[in-house]
PDB file of N, CA and C in Angstrom:
ATOM      1  N   UNK A   1     -21.668  49.249 -30.452  1.00  0.00           N
ATOM      2  CA  UNK A   1     -22.020  47.795 -29.402  1.00  0.00           C
ATOM      3  C   UNK A   1     -21.578  46.262 -29.903  1.00  0.00           C
ATOM      4  N   UNK A   2     -21.024  46.820 -30.776  1.00  0.00           N
ATOM      5  CA  UNK A   2     -20.252  45.808 -31.474  1.00  0.00           C
ATOM      6  C   UNK A   2     -18.876  45.232 -30.914  1.00  0.00           C
ATOM      7  N   UNK A   3     -18.268  46.698 -30.072  1.00  0.00           N
ATOM      8  CA  UNK A   3     -17.579  46.840 -29.578  1.00  0.00           C
ATOM      9  C   UNK A   3     -17.282  46.136 -28.083  1.00  0.00           C
ATOM     10  N   UNK A   4     -18.292  46.549 -27.778  1.00  0.00           N
ATOM     11  CA  UNK A   4     -18.837  45.795 -25.591  1.00  0.00           C
ATOM     12  C   UNK A   4     -17.970  43.955 -26.832  1.00  0.00           C
ATOM     13  N   UNK A   5     -19.013  44.377 -26.683  1.00  0.00           N
ATOM     14  CA  UNK A   5     -19.682  42.161 -27.348  1.00  0.00           C
ATOM     15  C   UNK A   5     -17.827  42.103 -27.360  1.00  0.00           C
ATOM     16  N   UNK A   6     -17.036  42.342 -28.669  1.00  0.00           N
ATOM     17  CA  UNK A   6     -16.495  42.051 -28.380  1.00  0.00           C
ATOM     18  C   UNK A   6     -15.035  41.540 -27.753  1.00  0.00           C
ATOM     19  N   UNK A   7     -15.013  42.942 -26.602  1.00  0.00           N
ATOM     20  CA  UNK A   7     -14.842  42.621 -25.214  1.00  0.00           C
ATOM     21  C   UNK A   7     -15.204  41.585 -24.387  1.00  0.00           C
ATOM     22  N   UNK A   8     -16.783  41.481 -24.315  1.00  0.00           N
ATOM     23  CA  UNK A   8     -17.302  40.907 -23.263  1.00  0.00           C
ATOM     24  C   UNK A   8     -15.837  38.841 -23.764  1.00  0.00           C
ATOM     25  N   UNK A   9     -16.409  38.396 -25.074  1.00  0.00           N
ATOM     26  CA  UNK A   9     -15.960  37.547 -24.878  1.00  0.00           C
ATOM     27  C   UNK A   9     -14.421  37.414 -25.618  1.00  0.00           C
ATOM     28  N   UNK A  10     -13.631  38.572 -25.682  1.00  0.00           N
ATOM     29  CA  UNK A  10     -12.050  38.014 -25.111  1.00  0.00           C
ATOM     30  C   UNK A  10     -12.175  38.367 -23.813  1.00  0.00           C
ATOM     31  N   UNK A  11     -13.172  38.550 -23.104  1.00  0.00           N
ATOM     32  CA  UNK A  11     -12.549  38.579 -21.498  1.00  0.00           C
ATOM     33  C   UNK A  11     -13.869  36.281 -21.606  1.00  0.00           C
ATOM     34  N   UNK A  12     -14.690  36.692 -22.092  1.00  0.00           N
ATOM     35  CA  UNK A  12     -15.091  35.056 -21.253  1.00  0.00           C
ATOM     36  C   UNK A  12     -13.814  34.025 -21.824  1.00  0.00           C
ATOM     37  N   UNK A  13     -13.173  34.424 -22.834  1.00  0.00           N
ATOM     38  CA  UNK A  13     -12.253  33.623 -23.016  1.00  0.00           C
ATOM     39  C   UNK A  13     -11.109  33.742 -22.345  1.00  0.00           C
ATOM     40  N   UNK A  14     -10.926  34.687 -22.422  1.00  0.00           N
ATOM     41  CA  UNK A  14      -9.581  34.943 -20.965  1.00  0.00           C
ATOM     42  C   UNK A  14      -9.845  33.927 -19.331  1.00  0.00           C
ATOM     43  N   UNK A  15     -10.958  34.479 -19.027  1.00  0.00           N
ATOM     44  CA  UNK A  15     -11.697  33.450 -18.201  1.00  0.00           C
ATOM     45  C   UNK A  15     -11.825  32.367 -18.021  1.00  0.00           C
ATOM     46  N   UNK A  16     -12.360  31.698 -19.325  1.00  0.00           N
ATOM     47  CA  UNK A  16     -12.146  30.208 -20.126  1.00  0.00           C
ATOM     48  C   UNK A  16     -10.499  29.899 -19.160  1.00  0.00           C
ATOM     49  N   UNK A  17      -8.970  30.257 -20.036  1.00  0.00           N
ATOM     50  CA  UNK A  17      -8.358  30.091 -20.425  1.00  0.00           C
ATOM     51  C   UNK A  17      -7.652  30.420 -18.863  1.00  0.00           C
ATOM     52  N   UNK A  18      -7.953  31.128 -18.014  1.00  0.00           N
ATOM     53  CA  UNK A  18      -7.764  31.242 -16.753  1.00  0.00           C
ATOM     54  C   UNK A  18      -7.633  29.586 -15.794  1.00  0.00           C
ATOM     55  N   UNK A  19      -9.315  30.294 -15.669  1.00  0.00           N
ATOM     56  CA  UNK A  19     -10.147  28.328 -15.894  1.00  0.00           C
ATOM     57  C   UNK A  19      -8.752  27.068 -15.720  1.00  0.00           C
ATOM     58  N   UNK A  20      -9.042  26.551 -17.106  1.00  0.00           N
ATOM     59  CA  UNK A  20      -8.392  25.311 -17.933  1.00  0.00           C
ATOM     60  C   UNK A  20      -6.805  25.422 -17.099  1.00  0.00           C
ATOM     61  N   UNK A  21      -5.609  26.368 -17.427  1.00  0.00           N
ATOM     62  CA  UNK A  21      -4.497  26.460 -16.126  1.00  0.00           C
ATOM     63  C   UNK A  21      -5.253  26.362 -14.824  1.00  0.00           C
ATOM     64  N   UNK A  22      -6.119  26.821 -14.141  1.00  0.00           N
ATOM     65  CA  UNK A  22      -5.763  26.300 -13.023  1.00  0.00           C
ATOM     66  C   UNK A  22      -6.761  25.235 -12.734  1.00  0.00           C
ATOM     67  N   UNK A  23      -7.268  24.849 -13.869  1.00  0.00           N
ATOM     68  CA  UNK A  23      -7.737  23.115 -13.460  1.00  0.00           C
ATOM     69  C   UNK A  23      -6.798  22.044 -13.868  1.00  0.00           C
ATOM     70  N   UNK A  24      -5.181  22.853 -15.263  1.00  0.00           N
ATOM     71  CA  UNK A  24      -4.359  21.666 -14.569  1.00  0.00           C
ATOM     72  C   UNK A  24      -3.432  22.240 -13.918  1.00  0.00           C
ATOM     73  N   UNK A  25      -3.182  23.536 -12.519  1.00  0.00           N
ATOM     74  CA  UNK A  25      -2.840  23.427 -11.196  1.00  0.00           C
ATOM     75  C   UNK A  25      -2.676  22.306 -10.782  1.00  0.00           C
ATOM     76  N   UNK A  26      -4.468  22.483 -10.695  1.00  0.00           N
ATOM     77  CA  UNK A  26      -4.379  20.892  -9.720  1.00  0.00           C
ATOM     78  C   UNK A  26      -4.232  19.881 -10.209  1.00  0.00           C
ATOM     79  N   UNK A  27      -4.143  19.585 -10.579  1.00  0.00           N
ATOM     80  CA  UNK A  27      -4.456  18.053 -10.886  1.00  0.00           C
ATOM     81  C   UNK A  27      -3.214  18.107 -11.567  1.00  0.00           C
ATOM     82  N   UNK A  28      -1.620  19.016 -12.021  1.00  0.00           N
ATOM     83  CA  UNK A  28      -0.119  18.681 -11.046  1.00  0.00           C
ATOM     84  C   UNK A  28      -0.505  18.153  -9.655  1.00  0.00           C
ATOM     85  N   UNK A  29      -0.796  19.789  -8.871  1.00  0.00           N
ATOM     86  CA  UNK A  29      -0.641  19.567  -7.400  1.00  0.00           C
ATOM     87  C   UNK A  29      -0.885  18.234  -6.945  1.00  0.00           C
ATOM     88  N   UNK A  30      -2.029  17.904  -7.442  1.00  0.00           N
ATOM     89  CA  UNK A  30      -2.580  16.743  -6.880  1.00  0.00           C
ATOM     90  C   UNK A  30      -1.387  15.045  -6.964  1.00  0.00           C
ATOM     91  N   UNK A  31      -1.316  15.646  -8.556  1.00  0.00           N
ATOM     92  CA  UNK A  31      -0.614  14.275  -8.855  1.00  0.00           C
ATOM     93  C   UNK A  31       0.950  14.320  -7.673  1.00  0.00           C
ATOM     94  N   UNK A  32       1.768  15.621  -7.714  1.00  0.00           N
ATOM     95  CA  UNK A  32       2.673  15.690  -7.144  1.00  0.00           C
ATOM     96  C   UNK A  32       2.824  14.776  -5.351  1.00  0.00           C
ATOM     97  N   UNK A  33       0.566  15.168  -5.156  1.00  0.00           N
ATOM     98  CA  UNK A  33       0.849  14.568  -3.379  1.00  0.00           C
ATOM     99  C   UNK A  33       0.984  13.405  -3.553  1.00  0.00           C
ATOM    100  N   UNK A  34       0.252  12.993  -4.536  1.00  0.00           N
ATOM    101  CA  UNK A  34       0.310  11.260  -4.438  1.00  0.00           C
ATOM    102  C   UNK A  34       1.724  10.805  -5.080  1.00  0.00           C
ATOM    103  N   UNK A  35       2.731  12.100  -6.002  1.00  0.00           N
ATOM    104  CA  UNK A  35       4.220  10.876  -5.476  1.00  0.00           C
ATOM    105  C   UNK A  35       4.742  11.024  -4.512  1.00  0.00           C
ATOM    106  N   UNK A  36       4.639  11.889  -4.316  1.00  0.00           N
ATOM    107  CA  UNK A  36       5.370  11.876  -2.360  1.00  0.00           C
ATOM    108  C   UNK A  36       5.203  10.677  -1.503  1.00  0.00           C
ATOM    109  N   UNK A  37       3.240  10.739  -2.604  1.00  0.00           N
ATOM    110  CA  UNK A  37       3.459   9.724  -1.047  1.00  0.00           C
ATOM    111  C   UNK A  37       3.881   7.887  -1.055  1.00  0.00           C
ATOM    112  N   UNK A  38       3.536   8.094  -2.928  1.00  0.00           N
ATOM    113  CA  UNK A  38       4.166   7.122  -3.016  1.00  0.00           C
ATOM    114  C   UNK A  38       5.376   7.029  -2.469  1.00  0.00           C
ATOM    115  N   UNK A  39       6.339   7.763  -2.921  1.00  0.00           N
ATOM    116  CA  UNK A  39       7.628   7.892  -2.697  1.00  0.00           C
ATOM    117  C   UNK A  39       8.243   7.830  -1.444  1.00  0.00           C
ATOM    118  N   UNK A  40       7.193   7.775  -0.299  1.00  0.00           N
ATOM    119  CA  UNK A  40       7.435   7.625   1.265  1.00  0.00           C
ATOM    120  C   UNK A  40       7.465   6.317   1.318  1.00  0.00           C
ATOM    121  N   UNK A  41       6.611   5.981   0.580  1.00  0.00           N
ATOM    122  CA  UNK A  41       6.020   4.916   0.898  1.00  0.00           C
ATOM    123  C   UNK A  41       7.433   3.802   0.443  1.00  0.00           C
ATOM    124  N   UNK A  42       7.943   3.729  -0.667  1.00  0.00           N
ATOM    125  CA  UNK A  42       8.912   3.064  -1.606  1.00  0.00           C
ATOM    126  C   UNK A  42      10.103   3.168  -0.515  1.00  0.00           C
ATOM    127  N   UNK A  43      10.429   4.739  -0.019  1.00  0.00           N
ATOM    128  CA  UNK A  43      11.759   4.361   0.984  1.00  0.00           C
ATOM    129  C   UNK A  43      11.987   4.713   2.350  1.00  0.00           C
ATOM    130  N   UNK A  44       9.883   4.198   2.583  1.00  0.00           N
ATOM    131  CA  UNK A  44       9.815   3.225   4.105  1.00  0.00           C
ATOM    132  C   UNK A  44      10.089   1.612   3.485  1.00  0.00           C
ATOM    133  N   UNK A  45      10.083   0.640   2.451  1.00  0.00           N
ATOM    134  CA  UNK A  45       9.748  -0.373   2.351  1.00  0.00           C
ATOM    135  C   UNK A  45      11.817  -0.944   1.536  1.00  0.00           C
ATOM    136  N   UNK A  46      11.983   0.327   1.433  1.00  0.00           N
ATOM    137  CA  UNK A  46      13.186  -0.047   1.165  1.00  0.00           C
ATOM    138  C   UNK A  46      13.738   0.261   2.507  1.00  0.00           C
ATOM    139  N   UNK A  47      13.926   0.746   3.307  1.00  0.00           N
ATOM    140  CA  UNK A  47      14.829   0.509   4.819  1.00  0.00           C
ATOM    141  C   UNK A  47      14.404  -0.688   4.934  1.00  0.00           C
ATOM    142  N   UNK A  48      13.305  -0.674   5.228  1.00  0.00           N
ATOM    143  CA  UNK A  48      12.844  -2.262   5.864  1.00  0.00           C
ATOM    144  C   UNK A  48      13.511  -3.546   4.612  1.00  0.00           C
ATOM    145  N   UNK A  49      13.410  -3.556   4.029  1.00  0.00           N
ATOM    146  CA  UNK A  49      13.538  -4.807   3.508  1.00  0.00           C
ATOM    147  C   UNK A  49      16.004  -4.286   3.052  1.00  0.00           C
ATOM    148  N   UNK A  50      16.626  -3.775   3.786  1.00  0.00           N
ATOM    149  CA  UNK A  50      17.318  -3.342   3.787  1.00  0.00           C
ATOM    150  C   UNK A  50      17.851  -4.030   5.369  1.00  0.00           C
ATOM    151  N   UNK A  51      17.453  -3.282   6.160  1.00  0.00           N
ATOM    152  CA  UNK A  51      17.385  -4.760   7.111  1.00  0.00           C
ATOM    153  C   UNK A  51      17.002  -5.749   7.481  1.00  0.00           C
ATOM    154  N   UNK A  52      16.013  -5.909   6.676  1.00  0.00           N
ATOM    155  CA  UNK A  52      16.161  -7.850   6.469  1.00  0.00           C
ATOM    156  C   UNK A  52      17.655  -7.873   5.244  1.00  0.00           C
ATOM    157  N   UNK A  53      17.655  -7.309   4.360  1.00  0.00           N
ATOM    158  CA  UNK A  53      19.210  -8.308   3.687  1.00  0.00           C
ATOM    159  C   UNK A  53      20.563  -8.439   4.967  1.00  0.00           C
ATOM    160  N   UNK A  54      19.928  -6.860   5.557  1.00  0.00           N
ATOM    161  CA  UNK A  54      21.573  -7.028   7.185  1.00  0.00           C
ATOM    162  C   UNK A  54      20.873  -7.692   7.434  1.00  0.00           C
ATOM    163  N   UNK A  55      20.536  -8.816   7.835  1.00  0.00           N
ATOM    164  CA  UNK A  55      19.938  -9.332   9.096  1.00  0.00           C
ATOM    165  C   UNK A  55      19.901 -11.336   8.795  1.00  0.00           C
ATOM    166  N   UNK A  56      20.010 -11.035   7.382  1.00  0.00           N
ATOM    167  CA  UNK A  56      20.165 -12.449   6.404  1.00  0.00           C
ATOM    168  C   UNK A  56      21.367 -12.533   6.660  1.00  0.00           C
ATOM    169  N   UNK A  57      22.230 -11.670   6.158  1.00  0.00           N
ATOM    170  CA  UNK A  57      23.451 -11.448   5.716  1.00  0.00           C
ATOM    171  C   UNK A  57      24.420 -12.051   7.230  1.00  0.00           C
ATOM    172  N   UNK A  58      23.972 -11.060   8.094  1.00  0.00           N
ATOM    173  CA  UNK A  58      24.897 -11.426   9.454  1.00  0.00           C
ATOM    174  C   UNK A  58      24.290 -13.583   9.776  1.00  0.00           C
ATOM    175  N   UNK A  59      22.745 -13.724   9.436  1.00  0.00           N
ATOM    176  CA  UNK A  59      23.730 -14.745   9.217  1.00  0.00           C
ATOM    177  C   UNK A  59      23.372 -16.641   8.372  1.00  0.00           C
ATOM    178  N   UNK A  60      23.797 -15.844   6.809  1.00  0.00           N
ATOM    179  CA  UNK A  60      24.331 -16.651   6.333  1.00  0.00           C
ATOM    180  C   UNK A  60      26.004 -16.514   7.126  1.00  0.00           C
ATOM    181  N   UNK A  61      26.407 -15.971   7.512  1.00  0.00           N
ATOM    182  CA  UNK A  61      27.640 -15.565   8.222  1.00  0.00           C
ATOM    183  C   UNK A  61      28.474 -16.316   9.434  1.00  0.00           C
ATOM    184  N   UNK A  62      27.401 -16.623   9.673  1.00  0.00           N
ATOM    185  CA  UNK A  62      26.822 -17.261  11.046  1.00  0.00           C
ATOM    186  C   UNK A  62      26.641 -19.194  10.696  1.00  0.00           C
ATOM    187  N   UNK A  63      25.950 -19.305  10.220  1.00  0.00           N
ATOM    188  CA  UNK A  63      25.867 -20.924   9.175  1.00  0.00           C
ATOM    189  C   UNK A  63      27.257 -21.003   8.733  1.00  0.00           C
ATOM    190  N   UNK A  64      27.720 -20.269   8.166  1.00  0.00           N
ATOM    191  CA  UNK A  64      29.307 -20.484   7.027  1.00  0.00           C
ATOM    192  C   UNK A  64      29.958 -20.892   8.458  1.00  0.00           C
ATOM    193  N   UNK A  65      30.139 -19.667   9.043  1.00  0.00           N
ATOM    194  CA  UNK A  65      31.250 -20.076  10.305  1.00  0.00           C
ATOM    195  C   UNK A  65      31.052 -21.409  10.771  1.00  0.00           C
ATOM    196  N   UNK A  66      29.711 -21.259  11.469  1.00  0.00           N
ATOM    197  CA  UNK A  66      30.157 -22.958  11.720  1.00  0.00           C
ATOM    198  C   UNK A  66      30.067 -24.058  11.486  1.00  0.00           C
ATOM    199  N   UNK A  67      29.716 -24.085   9.603  1.00  0.00           N
ATOM    200  CA  UNK A  67      30.057 -25.129   8.984  1.00  0.00           C
ATOM    201  C   UNK A  67      31.686 -25.215   9.090  1.00  0.00           C
ATOM    202  N   UNK A  68      32.071 -24.136   8.909  1.00  0.00           N
ATOM    203  CA  UNK A  68      33.482 -24.485   8.565  1.00  0.00           C
ATOM    204  C   UNK A  68      33.634 -24.109   9.671  1.00  0.00           C
ATOM    205  N   UNK A  69      33.162 -24.800  11.014  1.00  0.00           N
ATOM    206  CA  UNK A  69      33.745 -24.983  12.081  1.00  0.00           C
ATOM    207  C   UNK A  69      33.684 -27.225  12.063  1.00  0.00           C
ATOM    208  N   UNK A  70      32.134 -26.687  11.710  1.00  0.00           N
ATOM    209  CA  UNK A  70      32.279 -28.170  11.787  1.00  0.00           C
ATOM    210  C   UNK A  70      32.948 -29.016  10.955  1.00  0.00           C
ATOM    211  N   UNK A  71      33.340 -29.027   9.522  1.00  0.00           N
ATOM    212  CA  UNK A  71      34.393 -29.928   9.041  1.00  0.00           C
ATOM    213  C   UNK A  71      35.391 -30.117   9.893  1.00  0.00           C
ATOM    214  N   UNK A  72      36.517 -28.773  10.077  1.00  0.00           N
ATOM    215  CA  UNK A  72      36.840 -28.662  10.656  1.00  0.00           C
ATOM    216  C   UNK A  72      36.940 -29.811  11.803  1.00  0.00           C
ATOM    217  N   UNK A  73      36.537 -29.719  12.657  1.00  0.00           N
ATOM    218  CA  UNK A  73      36.328 -30.485  14.748  1.00  0.00           C
ATOM    219  C   UNK A  73      35.733 -32.254  12.987  1.00  0.00           C
ATOM    220  N   UNK A  74      35.215 -32.009  12.083  1.00  0.00           N
ATOM    221  CA  UNK A  74      35.983 -33.630  11.673  1.00  0.00           C
ATOM    222  C   UNK A  74      36.415 -33.721  11.346  1.00  0.00           C
ATOM    223  N   UNK A  75      37.325 -32.938  10.593  1.00  0.00           N
ATOM    224  CA  UNK A  75      37.948 -33.419   9.201  1.00  0.00           C
ATOM    225  C   UNK A  75      38.541 -34.540  10.200  1.00  0.00           C
ATOM    226  N   UNK A  76      39.286 -33.716  11.827  1.00  0.00           N
ATOM    227  CA  UNK A  76      40.524 -34.119  12.104  1.00  0.00           C
ATOM    228  C   UNK A  76      39.936 -35.512  13.583  1.00  0.00           C
ATOM    229  N   UNK A  77      39.302 -35.849  12.634  1.00  0.00           N
ATOM    230  CA  UNK A  77      39.039 -37.662  13.719  1.00  0.00           C
ATOM    231  C   UNK A  77      38.442 -38.364  12.815  1.00  0.00           C
ATOM    232  N   UNK A  78      37.754 -37.382  11.635  1.00  0.00           N
ATOM    233  CA  UNK A  78      37.701 -39.099  10.050  1.00  0.00           C
ATOM    234  C   UNK A  78      39.268 -38.807   9.378  1.00  0.00           C
ATOM    235  N   UNK A  79      39.565 -40.341   8.576  1.00  0.00           N
ATOM    236  CA  UNK A  79      40.455 -40.248   7.466  1.00  0.00           C
ATOM    237  C   UNK A  79      39.467 -40.289   6.236  1.00  0.00           C
ATOM    238  N   UNK A  80      39.633 -39.633   5.387  1.00  0.00           N
ATOM    239  CA  UNK A  80      38.769 -39.790   3.290  1.00  0.00           C
ATOM    240  C   UNK A  80      38.350 -40.112   3.313  1.00  0.00           C
ATOM    241  N   UNK A  81      37.702 -41.138   3.124  1.00  0.00           N
ATOM    242  CA  UNK A  81      38.643 -42.495   1.981  1.00  0.00           C
ATOM    243  C   UNK A  81      38.376 -41.930   0.613  1.00  0.00           C
ATOM    244  N   UNK A  82      39.531 -43.548   0.805  1.00  0.00           N
ATOM    245  CA  UNK A  82      40.096 -43.389  -0.497  1.00  0.00           C
ATOM    246  C   UNK A  82      38.588 -43.747  -1.692  1.00  0.00           C
ATOM    247  N   UNK A  83      38.832 -43.469  -3.301  1.00  0.00           N
ATOM    248  CA  UNK A  83      37.806 -43.854  -3.879  1.00  0.00           C
ATOM    249  C   UNK A  83      38.051 -45.307  -4.250  1.00  0.00           C
ATOM    250  N   UNK A  84      36.510 -46.260  -4.215  1.00  0.00           N
ATOM    251  CA  UNK A  84      36.307 -47.311  -5.023  1.00  0.00           C
ATOM    252  C   UNK A  84      37.548 -47.411  -6.157  1.00  0.00           C
ATOM    253  N   UNK A  85      37.629 -49.057  -6.064  1.00  0.00           N
ATOM    254  CA  UNK A  85      38.561 -49.237  -7.431  1.00  0.00           C
ATOM    255  C   UNK A  85      37.742 -49.639  -8.731  1.00  0.00           C
ATOM    256  N   UNK A  86      38.009 -48.946  -9.877  1.00  0.00           N
ATOM    257  CA  UNK A  86      37.315 -48.964 -10.582  1.00  0.00           C
ATOM    258  C   UNK A  86      37.117 -50.553 -10.440  1.00  0.00           C
ATOM    259  N   UNK A  87      35.845 -51.757 -11.751  1.00  0.00           N
ATOM    260  CA  UNK A  87      36.245 -53.226 -12.577  1.00  0.00           C
ATOM    261  C   UNK A  87      36.879 -52.927 -13.456  1.00  0.00           C
TER     262      UNK A  87
END
């Protein structure tokens, strides 16, 4: 009878160990799904930010060009005023 109890006890320990492993695997799978979702969200945000950055670069280039054109036009019509004399 003692041999039978050892077998049941070993079976229970083995079953408990397998259950713990299954729980750990389930936890890891849940984390993996969550991380995949976060990575996808971050990827979408990065794509949106890259698009905005590209648009802002184009706008900045346009403003710089207009400013350059404006200074070239005003530079032709006005002379640069000399600095005032010091007392």
